[in-house]
Amino acid sequence: MSQPLLVERKGPVAHVTLNRPESLNALNRELTDALTACFEGFYRDYDIRVVVLKGAGRAFCAGLDLKGYDAAPRDQRSVQHGFDTQTRIRDIYKAMRRCPQPIVALVHGAACGGGFSLALASDIRIAGESARMNAAYIRIGLTGCDMGSSYFLPRLVGQTMASELLLTGRFVEAREAKEIGLVNRVVPDAQMEEAAAPLIEAMLANTPMGLRLTKDAINFSIDAPSMDAAMAMEDRQQVLTAQTHDHREALSAFLEKRPPNYADK
């Protein structure tokens, strides 16, 4: 039986691949637990500086595996059982945002429900031309607000467009996703890795600590109660990074017009 999640380390970049192509990478219990463990594991991994998230086969992730996630009949599941299932899946997205490395999602084919939220919880999204995304929850008798969709989506596309997408559950094709600011790039499916490469290279050219603390500050500032609070976080981060060897090395490399040689992790 193949592993539901593949993790390949290529130097400072981890390539994380959802590996259930026969079910369009739908989230079953094994894949859910593997994703959470993977992103939680990156928290203290200072060798990995960028994470690339993608799906094997024809799709990114078609959402929850409604047939294969839980063998218990629906009319026999307790509230506690349902709550456990809900929070196990939810923990993926919390782990992704706590993960200090930037996450680049390569989205092709279906990205529905929980798969849509995998894209939303990433930091940079590159869509293949085949990408079709939606908050599918409302279309199966639930609310449209699930797996962080009510948190992530308004912050990416604004409340007006988020309301339309969450209330209708309609699909967003790749080109529209780019127009509304949901993804950074749209390219042919076969060119997603190529399109991600210069962004990854640019991030790796920055100091390891600076990269981590930038994601940390973005996470904080999205919910900061005021400009003063956001700027206090920025001040703290700048004072911290200014004390590092890598800051001094970055300045020297810039002035000497050479690539930096970072030592800090």
C-alpha atoms as a PDB file:
ATOM      1  CA  MET A   1       0.000   0.000   0.000  1.00  0.00           C
ATOM      2  CA  SER A   2       1.517   3.352  -1.024  1.00  0.00           C
ATOM      3  CA  GLN A   3       2.102   6.115   1.491  1.00  0.00           C
ATOM      4  CA  PRO A   4      -0.681   8.744   1.488  1.00  0.00           C
ATOM      5  CA  LEU A   5       1.858  11.564   1.821  1.00  0.00           C
ATOM      6  CA  LEU A   6       5.299  11.807   0.259  1.00  0.00           C
ATOM      7  CA  VAL A   7       7.962  14.169   1.611  1.00  0.00           C
ATOM      8  CA  GLU A   8      11.089  14.704  -0.466  1.00  0.00           C
ATOM      9  CA  ARG A   9      13.831  16.950   0.822  1.00  0.00           C
ATOM     10  CA  LYS A  10      15.855  18.762  -1.840  1.00  0.00           C
ATOM     11  CA  GLY A  11      18.388  20.789   0.088  1.00  0.00           C
ATOM     12  CA  PRO A  12      16.505  23.482   2.023  1.00  0.00           C
ATOM     13  CA  VAL A  13      13.207  22.807   0.209  1.00  0.00           C
ATOM     14  CA  ALA A  14      10.692  20.134   1.250  1.00  0.00           C
ATOM     15  CA  HIS A  15       8.376  18.867  -1.472  1.00  0.00           C
ATOM     16  CA  VAL A  16       5.192  17.540   0.137  1.00  0.00           C
ATOM     17  CA  THR A  17       2.951  15.531  -2.196  1.00  0.00           C
ATOM     18  CA  LEU A  18      -0.571  14.318  -1.463  1.00  0.00           C
ATOM     19  CA  ASN A  19      -0.369  10.772  -2.797  1.00  0.00           C
ATOM     20  CA  ARG A  20      -3.850   9.343  -3.210  1.00  0.00           C
ATOM     21  CA  PRO A  21      -4.256   9.996  -6.943  1.00  0.00           C
ATOM     22  CA  GLU A  22      -6.871   7.272  -7.383  1.00  0.00           C
ATOM     23  CA  SER A  23      -9.242   9.307  -5.178  1.00  0.00           C
ATOM     24  CA  LEU A  24      -8.077  12.764  -6.380  1.00  0.00           C
ATOM     25  CA  ASN A  25      -6.065  13.041  -3.155  1.00  0.00           C
ATOM     26  CA  ALA A  26      -9.210  13.203  -1.034  1.00  0.00           C
ATOM     27  CA  LEU A  27      -8.509  13.468   2.681  1.00  0.00           C
ATOM     28  CA  ASN A  28      -8.914  10.167   4.503  1.00  0.00           C
ATOM     29  CA  ARG A  29      -7.841   9.643   8.109  1.00  0.00           C
ATOM     30  CA  GLU A  30      -4.330   8.495   7.188  1.00  0.00           C
ATOM     31  CA  LEU A  31      -3.660  11.475   4.935  1.00  0.00           C
ATOM     32  CA  THR A  32      -5.166  13.885   7.456  1.00  0.00           C
ATOM     33  CA  ASP A  33      -2.940  12.654  10.284  1.00  0.00           C
ATOM     34  CA  ALA A  34       0.109  12.558   8.018  1.00  0.00           C
ATOM     35  CA  LEU A  35      -0.383  16.187   6.914  1.00  0.00           C
ATOM     36  CA  THR A  36      -0.729  17.435  10.485  1.00  0.00           C
ATOM     37  CA  ALA A  37       2.330  15.506  11.629  1.00  0.00           C
ATOM     38  CA  CYS A  38       4.315  16.730   8.636  1.00  0.00           C
ATOM     39  CA  PHE A  39       3.650  20.423   9.182  1.00  0.00           C
ATOM     40  CA  GLU A  40       4.073  20.154  12.941  1.00  0.00           C
ATOM     41  CA  GLY A  41       7.415  18.437  12.317  1.00  0.00           C
ATOM     42  CA  PHE A  42       8.682  21.376  10.295  1.00  0.00           C
ATOM     43  CA  TYR A  43       8.360  23.702  13.278  1.00  0.00           C
ATOM     44  CA  ARG A  44      11.783  22.795  14.729  1.00  0.00           C
ATOM     45  CA  ASP A  45      13.347  21.785  11.414  1.00  0.00           C
ATOM     46  CA  TYR A  46      15.854  24.532  10.688  1.00  0.00           C
ATOM     47  CA  ASP A  47      17.304  22.768   7.672  1.00  0.00           C
ATOM     48  CA  ILE A  48      14.060  23.188   5.711  1.00  0.00           C
ATOM     49  CA  ARG A  49      13.412  26.781   4.702  1.00  0.00           C
ATOM     50  CA  VAL A  50      10.597  26.519   2.113  1.00  0.00           C
ATOM     51  CA  VAL A  51       7.806  23.947   1.649  1.00  0.00           C
ATOM     52  CA  VAL A  52       6.180  23.103  -1.691  1.00  0.00           C
ATOM     53  CA  LEU A  53       2.736  21.471  -1.425  1.00  0.00           C
ATOM     54  CA  LYS A  54       1.223  19.642  -4.398  1.00  0.00           C
ATOM     55  CA  GLY A  55      -1.016  16.746  -5.373  1.00  0.00           C
ATOM     56  CA  ALA A  56      -0.204  13.606  -7.352  1.00  0.00           C
ATOM     57  CA  GLY A  57      -2.251  12.683 -10.417  1.00  0.00           C
ATOM     58  CA  ARG A  58      -5.123  14.715 -11.874  1.00  0.00           C
ATOM     59  CA  ALA A  59      -5.962  16.942  -8.911  1.00  0.00           C
ATOM     60  CA  PHE A  60      -4.604  18.903  -5.992  1.00  0.00           C
ATOM     61  CA  CYS A  61      -7.161  17.677  -3.450  1.00  0.00           C
ATOM     62  CA  ALA A  62     -10.867  16.952  -3.940  1.00  0.00           C
ATOM     63  CA  GLY A  63     -11.666  17.527  -0.258  1.00  0.00           C
ATOM     64  CA  LEU A  64     -12.794  15.050   2.357  1.00  0.00           C
ATOM     65  CA  ASP A  65     -13.062  11.405   1.344  1.00  0.00           C
ATOM     66  CA  LEU A  66     -16.757  11.090   2.209  1.00  0.00           C
ATOM     67  CA  LYS A  67     -16.777   7.346   1.559  1.00  0.00           C
ATOM     68  CA  GLY A  68     -13.420   6.355   2.930  1.00  0.00           C
ATOM     69  CA  TYR A  69     -12.771   8.676   5.882  1.00  0.00           C
ATOM     70  CA  ASP A  70     -14.893   6.850   8.437  1.00  0.00           C
ATOM     71  CA  ALA A  71     -16.334   3.360   8.299  1.00  0.00           C
ATOM     72  CA  ALA A  72     -18.988   4.003  10.966  1.00  0.00           C
ATOM     73  CA  PRO A  73     -22.523   4.590   9.596  1.00  0.00           C
ATOM     74  CA  ARG A  74     -23.476   8.259   9.851  1.00  0.00           C
ATOM     75  CA  ASP A  75     -26.585   7.581  11.927  1.00  0.00           C
ATOM     76  CA  GLN A  76     -24.442   5.775  14.509  1.00  0.00           C
ATOM     77  CA  ARG A  77     -21.845   8.502  15.032  1.00  0.00           C
ATOM     78  CA  SER A  78     -21.980  10.389  18.313  1.00  0.00           C
ATOM     79  CA  VAL A  79     -21.481  14.121  18.711  1.00  0.00           C
ATOM     80  CA  GLN A  80     -18.137  13.378  20.331  1.00  0.00           C
ATOM     81  CA  HIS A  81     -17.155  11.215  17.372  1.00  0.00           C
ATOM     82  CA  GLY A  82     -18.081  13.996  14.949  1.00  0.00           C
ATOM     83  CA  PHE A  83     -16.187  16.576  16.979  1.00  0.00           C
ATOM     84  CA  ASP A  84     -13.071  14.408  16.996  1.00  0.00           C
ATOM     85  CA  THR A  85     -13.266  14.013  13.221  1.00  0.00           C
ATOM     86  CA  GLN A  86     -13.799  17.757  12.718  1.00  0.00           C
ATOM     87  CA  THR A  87     -10.897  18.819  14.898  1.00  0.00           C
ATOM     88  CA  ARG A  88      -8.511  16.206  13.473  1.00  0.00           C
ATOM     89  CA  ILE A  89      -8.977  17.702  10.017  1.00  0.00           C
ATOM     90  CA  ARG A  90      -8.956  21.278  11.316  1.00  0.00           C
ATOM     91  CA  ASP A  91      -5.553  20.724  12.901  1.00  0.00           C
ATOM     92  CA  ILE A  92      -3.947  20.482   9.445  1.00  0.00           C
ATOM     93  CA  TYR A  93      -4.619  24.160   8.731  1.00  0.00           C
ATOM     94  CA  LYS A  94      -3.553  25.312  12.180  1.00  0.00           C
ATOM     95  CA  ALA A  95      -0.288  23.412  11.721  1.00  0.00           C
ATOM     96  CA  MET A  96       0.219  24.989   8.287  1.00  0.00           C
ATOM     97  CA  ARG A  97      -0.078  28.517   9.649  1.00  0.00           C
ATOM     98  CA  ARG A  98       2.134  27.720  12.651  1.00  0.00           C
ATOM     99  CA  CYS A  99       4.685  26.118  10.320  1.00  0.00           C
ATOM    100  CA  PRO A 100       7.418  28.815  10.138  1.00  0.00           C
ATOM    101  CA  GLN A 101       8.474  28.011   6.574  1.00  0.00           C
ATOM    102  CA  PRO A 102       6.657  29.701   3.677  1.00  0.00           C
ATOM    103  CA  ILE A 103       4.361  27.190   1.941  1.00  0.00           C
ATOM    104  CA  VAL A 104       4.042  27.362  -1.844  1.00  0.00           C
ATOM    105  CA  ALA A 105       0.947  25.503  -3.094  1.00  0.00           C
ATOM    106  CA  LEU A 106       0.914  24.184  -6.666  1.00  0.00           C
ATOM    107  CA  VAL A 107      -2.795  23.809  -7.408  1.00  0.00           C
ATOM    108  CA  HIS A 108      -4.108  21.870 -10.406  1.00  0.00           C
ATOM    109  CA  GLY A 109      -7.394  20.154 -11.093  1.00  0.00           C
ATOM    110  CA  ALA A 110      -9.862  19.991  -8.244  1.00  0.00           C
ATOM    111  CA  ALA A 111      -9.192  21.917  -5.043  1.00  0.00           C
ATOM    112  CA  CYS A 112     -12.489  21.528  -3.218  1.00  0.00           C
ATOM    113  CA  GLY A 113     -13.616  21.814   0.387  1.00  0.00           C
ATOM    114  CA  GLY A 114     -10.717  20.756   2.578  1.00  0.00           C
ATOM    115  CA  GLY A 115      -8.483  20.829  -0.495  1.00  0.00           C
ATOM    116  CA  PHE A 116      -9.500  24.433  -1.138  1.00  0.00           C
ATOM    117  CA  SER A 117      -8.530  25.228   2.439  1.00  0.00           C
ATOM    118  CA  LEU A 118      -5.102  23.619   1.902  1.00  0.00           C
ATOM    119  CA  ALA A 119      -4.530  26.200  -0.819  1.00  0.00           C
ATOM    120  CA  LEU A 120      -5.946  29.035   1.311  1.00  0.00           C
ATOM    121  CA  ALA A 121      -3.705  28.148   4.262  1.00  0.00           C
ATOM    122  CA  SER A 122      -0.589  28.301   2.095  1.00  0.00           C
ATOM    123  CA  ASP A 123       1.442  31.481   1.701  1.00  0.00           C
ATOM    124  CA  ILE A 124       1.837  31.548  -2.085  1.00  0.00           C
ATOM    125  CA  ARG A 125      -0.499  29.861  -4.575  1.00  0.00           C
ATOM    126  CA  ILE A 126       0.419  28.979  -8.153  1.00  0.00           C
ATOM    127  CA  ALA A 127      -2.499  27.621 -10.154  1.00  0.00           C
ATOM    128  CA  GLY A 128      -2.315  25.355 -13.139  1.00  0.00           C
ATOM    129  CA  GLU A 129      -4.723  26.202 -15.930  1.00  0.00           C
ATOM    130  CA  SER A 130      -6.843  23.179 -14.978  1.00  0.00           C
ATOM    131  CA  ALA A 131      -7.425  24.404 -11.403  1.00  0.00           C
ATOM    132  CA  ARG A 132     -11.043  24.529 -10.208  1.00  0.00           C
ATOM    133  CA  MET A 133     -11.601  25.600  -6.606  1.00  0.00           C
ATOM    134  CA  ASN A 134     -14.617  25.894  -4.370  1.00  0.00           C
ATOM    135  CA  ALA A 135     -15.782  25.936  -0.762  1.00  0.00           C
ATOM    136  CA  ALA A 136     -17.833  22.802  -1.332  1.00  0.00           C
ATOM    137  CA  TYR A 137     -19.135  22.440   2.218  1.00  0.00           C
ATOM    138  CA  ILE A 138     -22.424  24.270   1.667  1.00  0.00           C
ATOM    139  CA  ARG A 139     -23.237  22.039  -1.310  1.00  0.00           C
ATOM    140  CA  ILE A 140     -23.458  18.947   0.907  1.00  0.00           C
ATOM    141  CA  GLY A 141     -25.849  20.431   3.438  1.00  0.00           C
ATOM    142  CA  LEU A 142     -23.313  22.080   5.754  1.00  0.00           C
ATOM    143  CA  THR A 143     -22.327  25.716   6.118  1.00  0.00           C
ATOM    144  CA  GLY A 144     -19.874  27.229   3.668  1.00  0.00           C
ATOM    145  CA  CYS A 145     -17.612  28.162   6.570  1.00  0.00           C
ATOM    146  CA  ASP A 146     -15.330  25.248   7.395  1.00  0.00           C
ATOM    147  CA  MET A 147     -11.645  24.406   7.726  1.00  0.00           C
ATOM    148  CA  GLY A 148     -10.680  28.050   8.057  1.00  0.00           C
ATOM    149  CA  SER A 149     -12.544  29.212   4.937  1.00  0.00           C
ATOM    150  CA  SER A 150     -14.357  31.997   6.813  1.00  0.00           C
ATOM    151  CA  TYR A 151     -10.999  33.190   8.155  1.00  0.00           C
ATOM    152  CA  PHE A 152      -8.711  32.836   5.149  1.00  0.00           C
ATOM    153  CA  LEU A 153     -10.974  33.762   2.255  1.00  0.00           C
ATOM    154  CA  PRO A 154     -12.102  37.291   3.306  1.00  0.00           C
ATOM    155  CA  ARG A 155      -8.481  38.173   4.016  1.00  0.00           C
ATOM    156  CA  LEU A 156      -7.449  37.083   0.529  1.00  0.00           C
ATOM    157  CA  VAL A 157     -10.290  38.368  -1.670  1.00  0.00           C
ATOM    158  CA  GLY A 158     -12.316  40.689   0.584  1.00  0.00           C
ATOM    159  CA  GLN A 159     -15.625  40.137   2.335  1.00  0.00           C
ATOM    160  CA  THR A 160     -17.841  40.774  -0.691  1.00  0.00           C
ATOM    161  CA  MET A 161     -16.275  38.148  -2.934  1.00  0.00           C
ATOM    162  CA  ALA A 162     -15.737  35.751  -0.016  1.00  0.00           C
ATOM    163  CA  SER A 163     -19.434  35.975   0.816  1.00  0.00           C
ATOM    164  CA  GLU A 164     -20.362  35.078  -2.753  1.00  0.00           C
ATOM    165  CA  LEU A 165     -18.055  32.071  -2.819  1.00  0.00           C
ATOM    166  CA  LEU A 166     -19.009  30.783   0.631  1.00  0.00           C
ATOM    167  CA  LEU A 167     -22.763  31.286   0.229  1.00  0.00           C
ATOM    168  CA  THR A 168     -22.962  29.656  -3.200  1.00  0.00           C
ATOM    169  CA  GLY A 169     -20.167  27.095  -3.151  1.00  0.00           C
ATOM    170  CA  ARG A 170     -19.595  27.868  -6.818  1.00  0.00           C
ATOM    171  CA  PHE A 171     -16.388  26.947  -8.601  1.00  0.00           C
ATOM    172  CA  VAL A 172     -13.641  29.450  -9.330  1.00  0.00           C
ATOM    173  CA  GLU A 173     -11.572  28.661 -12.413  1.00  0.00           C
ATOM    174  CA  ALA A 174      -7.872  29.486 -12.546  1.00  0.00           C
ATOM    175  CA  ARG A 175      -8.162  32.744 -14.506  1.00  0.00           C
ATOM    176  CA  GLU A 176     -10.833  34.176 -12.230  1.00  0.00           C
ATOM    177  CA  ALA A 177      -8.804  33.106  -9.207  1.00  0.00           C
ATOM    178  CA  LYS A 178      -5.939  35.254 -10.463  1.00  0.00           C
ATOM    179  CA  GLU A 179      -8.254  38.198 -11.186  1.00  0.00           C
ATOM    180  CA  ILE A 180      -9.689  38.248  -7.664  1.00  0.00           C
ATOM    181  CA  GLY A 181      -6.315  37.827  -5.951  1.00  0.00           C
ATOM    182  CA  LEU A 182      -6.847  34.243  -4.840  1.00  0.00           C
ATOM    183  CA  VAL A 183      -3.685  32.964  -6.552  1.00  0.00           C
ATOM    184  CA  ASN A 184      -0.361  34.581  -7.454  1.00  0.00           C
ATOM    185  CA  ARG A 185       0.192  33.012 -10.872  1.00  0.00           C
ATOM    186  CA  VAL A 186      -1.652  30.958 -13.497  1.00  0.00           C
ATOM    187  CA  VAL A 187       0.452  28.783 -15.767  1.00  0.00           C
ATOM    188  CA  PRO A 188       0.040  25.567 -17.771  1.00  0.00           C
ATOM    189  CA  ASP A 189      -0.083  22.613 -15.391  1.00  0.00           C
ATOM    190  CA  ALA A 190       3.259  21.282 -16.584  1.00  0.00           C
ATOM    191  CA  GLN A 191       4.944  24.607 -15.774  1.00  0.00           C
ATOM    192  CA  MET A 192       3.886  25.006 -12.125  1.00  0.00           C
ATOM    193  CA  GLU A 193       7.255  23.854 -10.742  1.00  0.00           C
ATOM    194  CA  GLU A 194       9.058  26.125 -13.187  1.00  0.00           C
ATOM    195  CA  ALA A 195       6.898  29.086 -12.169  1.00  0.00           C
ATOM    196  CA  ALA A 196       7.585  28.430  -8.485  1.00  0.00           C
ATOM    197  CA  ALA A 197      11.359  28.170  -8.935  1.00  0.00           C
ATOM    198  CA  PRO A 198      12.231  31.902  -9.084  1.00  0.00           C
ATOM    199  CA  LEU A 199      10.008  32.640  -6.083  1.00  0.00           C
ATOM    200  CA  ILE A 200      11.684  29.878  -4.087  1.00  0.00           C
ATOM    201  CA  GLU A 201      15.111  31.068  -5.199  1.00  0.00           C
ATOM    202  CA  ALA A 202      14.288  34.605  -4.098  1.00  0.00           C
ATOM    203  CA  MET A 203      13.114  33.417  -0.681  1.00  0.00           C
ATOM    204  CA  LEU A 204      16.220  31.275  -0.203  1.00  0.00           C
ATOM    205  CA  ALA A 205      18.386  34.313  -0.973  1.00  0.00           C
ATOM    206  CA  ASN A 206      17.110  35.841   2.283  1.00  0.00           C
ATOM    207  CA  THR A 207      18.335  34.955   5.743  1.00  0.00           C
ATOM    208  CA  PRO A 208      16.769  31.886   7.388  1.00  0.00           C
ATOM    209  CA  MET A 209      15.656  33.837  10.455  1.00  0.00           C
ATOM    210  CA  GLY A 210      14.415  36.764   8.401  1.00  0.00           C
ATOM    211  CA  LEU A 211      12.277  34.417   6.304  1.00  0.00           C
ATOM    212  CA  ARG A 212      10.730  32.714   9.337  1.00  0.00           C
ATOM    213  CA  LEU A 213      10.047  35.927  11.209  1.00  0.00           C
ATOM    214  CA  THR A 214       8.484  37.539   8.147  1.00  0.00           C
ATOM    215  CA  LYS A 215       5.835  34.808   8.001  1.00  0.00           C
ATOM    216  CA  ASP A 216       5.412  35.129  11.757  1.00  0.00           C
ATOM    217  CA  ALA A 217       4.850  38.896  11.491  1.00  0.00           C
ATOM    218  CA  ILE A 218       2.376  38.505   8.616  1.00  0.00           C
ATOM    219  CA  ASN A 219       0.365  36.022  10.685  1.00  0.00           C
ATOM    220  CA  PHE A 220       0.334  38.412  13.635  1.00  0.00           C
ATOM    221  CA  SER A 221      -0.398  41.572  11.673  1.00  0.00           C
ATOM    222  CA  ILE A 222      -3.418  40.142   9.844  1.00  0.00           C
ATOM    223  CA  ASP A 223      -5.226  40.151  13.182  1.00  0.00           C
ATOM    224  CA  ALA A 224      -3.389  43.007  14.866  1.00  0.00           C
ATOM    225  CA  PRO A 225      -5.792  45.314  16.732  1.00  0.00           C
ATOM    226  CA  SER A 226      -4.026  48.466  15.535  1.00  0.00           C
ATOM    227  CA  MET A 227      -1.193  49.869  13.456  1.00  0.00           C
ATOM    228  CA  ASP A 228       0.765  50.418  16.669  1.00  0.00           C
ATOM    229  CA  ALA A 229       0.470  46.736  17.571  1.00  0.00           C
ATOM    230  CA  ALA A 230       1.649  45.635  14.125  1.00  0.00           C
ATOM    231  CA  MET A 231       4.561  48.055  14.184  1.00  0.00           C
ATOM    232  CA  ALA A 232       5.560  46.934  17.687  1.00  0.00           C
ATOM    233  CA  MET A 233       5.884  43.401  16.298  1.00  0.00           C
ATOM    234  CA  GLU A 234       7.937  44.715  13.376  1.00  0.00           C
ATOM    235  CA  ASP A 235      10.223  46.611  15.753  1.00  0.00           C
ATOM    236  CA  ARG A 236      10.783  43.477  17.837  1.00  0.00           C
ATOM    237  CA  GLN A 237      11.564  41.354  14.793  1.00  0.00           C
ATOM    238  CA  GLN A 238      13.978  43.898  13.329  1.00  0.00           C
ATOM    239  CA  VAL A 239      15.899  44.247  16.579  1.00  0.00           C
ATOM    240  CA  LEU A 240      16.188  40.458  16.808  1.00  0.00           C
ATOM    241  CA  THR A 241      17.386  39.954  13.244  1.00  0.00           C
ATOM    242  CA  ALA A 242      19.787  42.918  13.452  1.00  0.00           C
ATOM    243  CA  GLN A 243      21.767  41.005  16.115  1.00  0.00           C
ATOM    244  CA  THR A 244      22.447  37.999  13.893  1.00  0.00           C
ATOM    245  CA  HIS A 245      25.571  37.056  11.989  1.00  0.00           C
ATOM    246  CA  ASP A 246      23.426  36.643   8.889  1.00  0.00           C
ATOM    247  CA  HIS A 247      22.332  40.285   8.974  1.00  0.00           C
ATOM    248  CA  ARG A 248      25.954  41.417   8.989  1.00  0.00           C
ATOM    249  CA  GLU A 249      26.787  38.928   6.241  1.00  0.00           C
ATOM    250  CA  ALA A 250      23.830  40.094   4.126  1.00  0.00           C
ATOM    251  CA  LEU A 251      24.981  43.712   4.393  1.00  0.00           C
ATOM    252  CA  SER A 252      28.555  42.791   3.472  1.00  0.00           C
ATOM    253  CA  ALA A 253      27.422  40.679   0.523  1.00  0.00           C
ATOM    254  CA  PHE A 254      25.194  43.480  -0.741  1.00  0.00           C
ATOM    255  CA  LEU A 255      27.994  46.045  -0.571  1.00  0.00           C
ATOM    256  CA  GLU A 256      30.545  43.642  -2.085  1.00  0.00           C
ATOM    257  CA  LYS A 257      28.119  42.533  -4.823  1.00  0.00           C
ATOM    258  CA  ARG A 258      28.490  38.825  -4.052  1.00  0.00           C
ATOM    259  CA  PRO A 259      26.157  36.005  -2.922  1.00  0.00           C
ATOM    260  CA  PRO A 260      25.768  35.842   0.869  1.00  0.00           C
ATOM    261  CA  ASN A 261      27.048  32.902   2.898  1.00  0.00           C
ATOM    262  CA  TYR A 262      24.578  32.454   5.732  1.00  0.00           C
ATOM    263  CA  ALA A 263      25.569  30.572   8.865  1.00  0.00           C
ATOM    264  CA  ASP A 264      22.588  31.022  11.192  1.00  0.00           C
ATOM    265  CA  LYS A 265      19.737  28.519  11.144  1.00  0.00           C
END
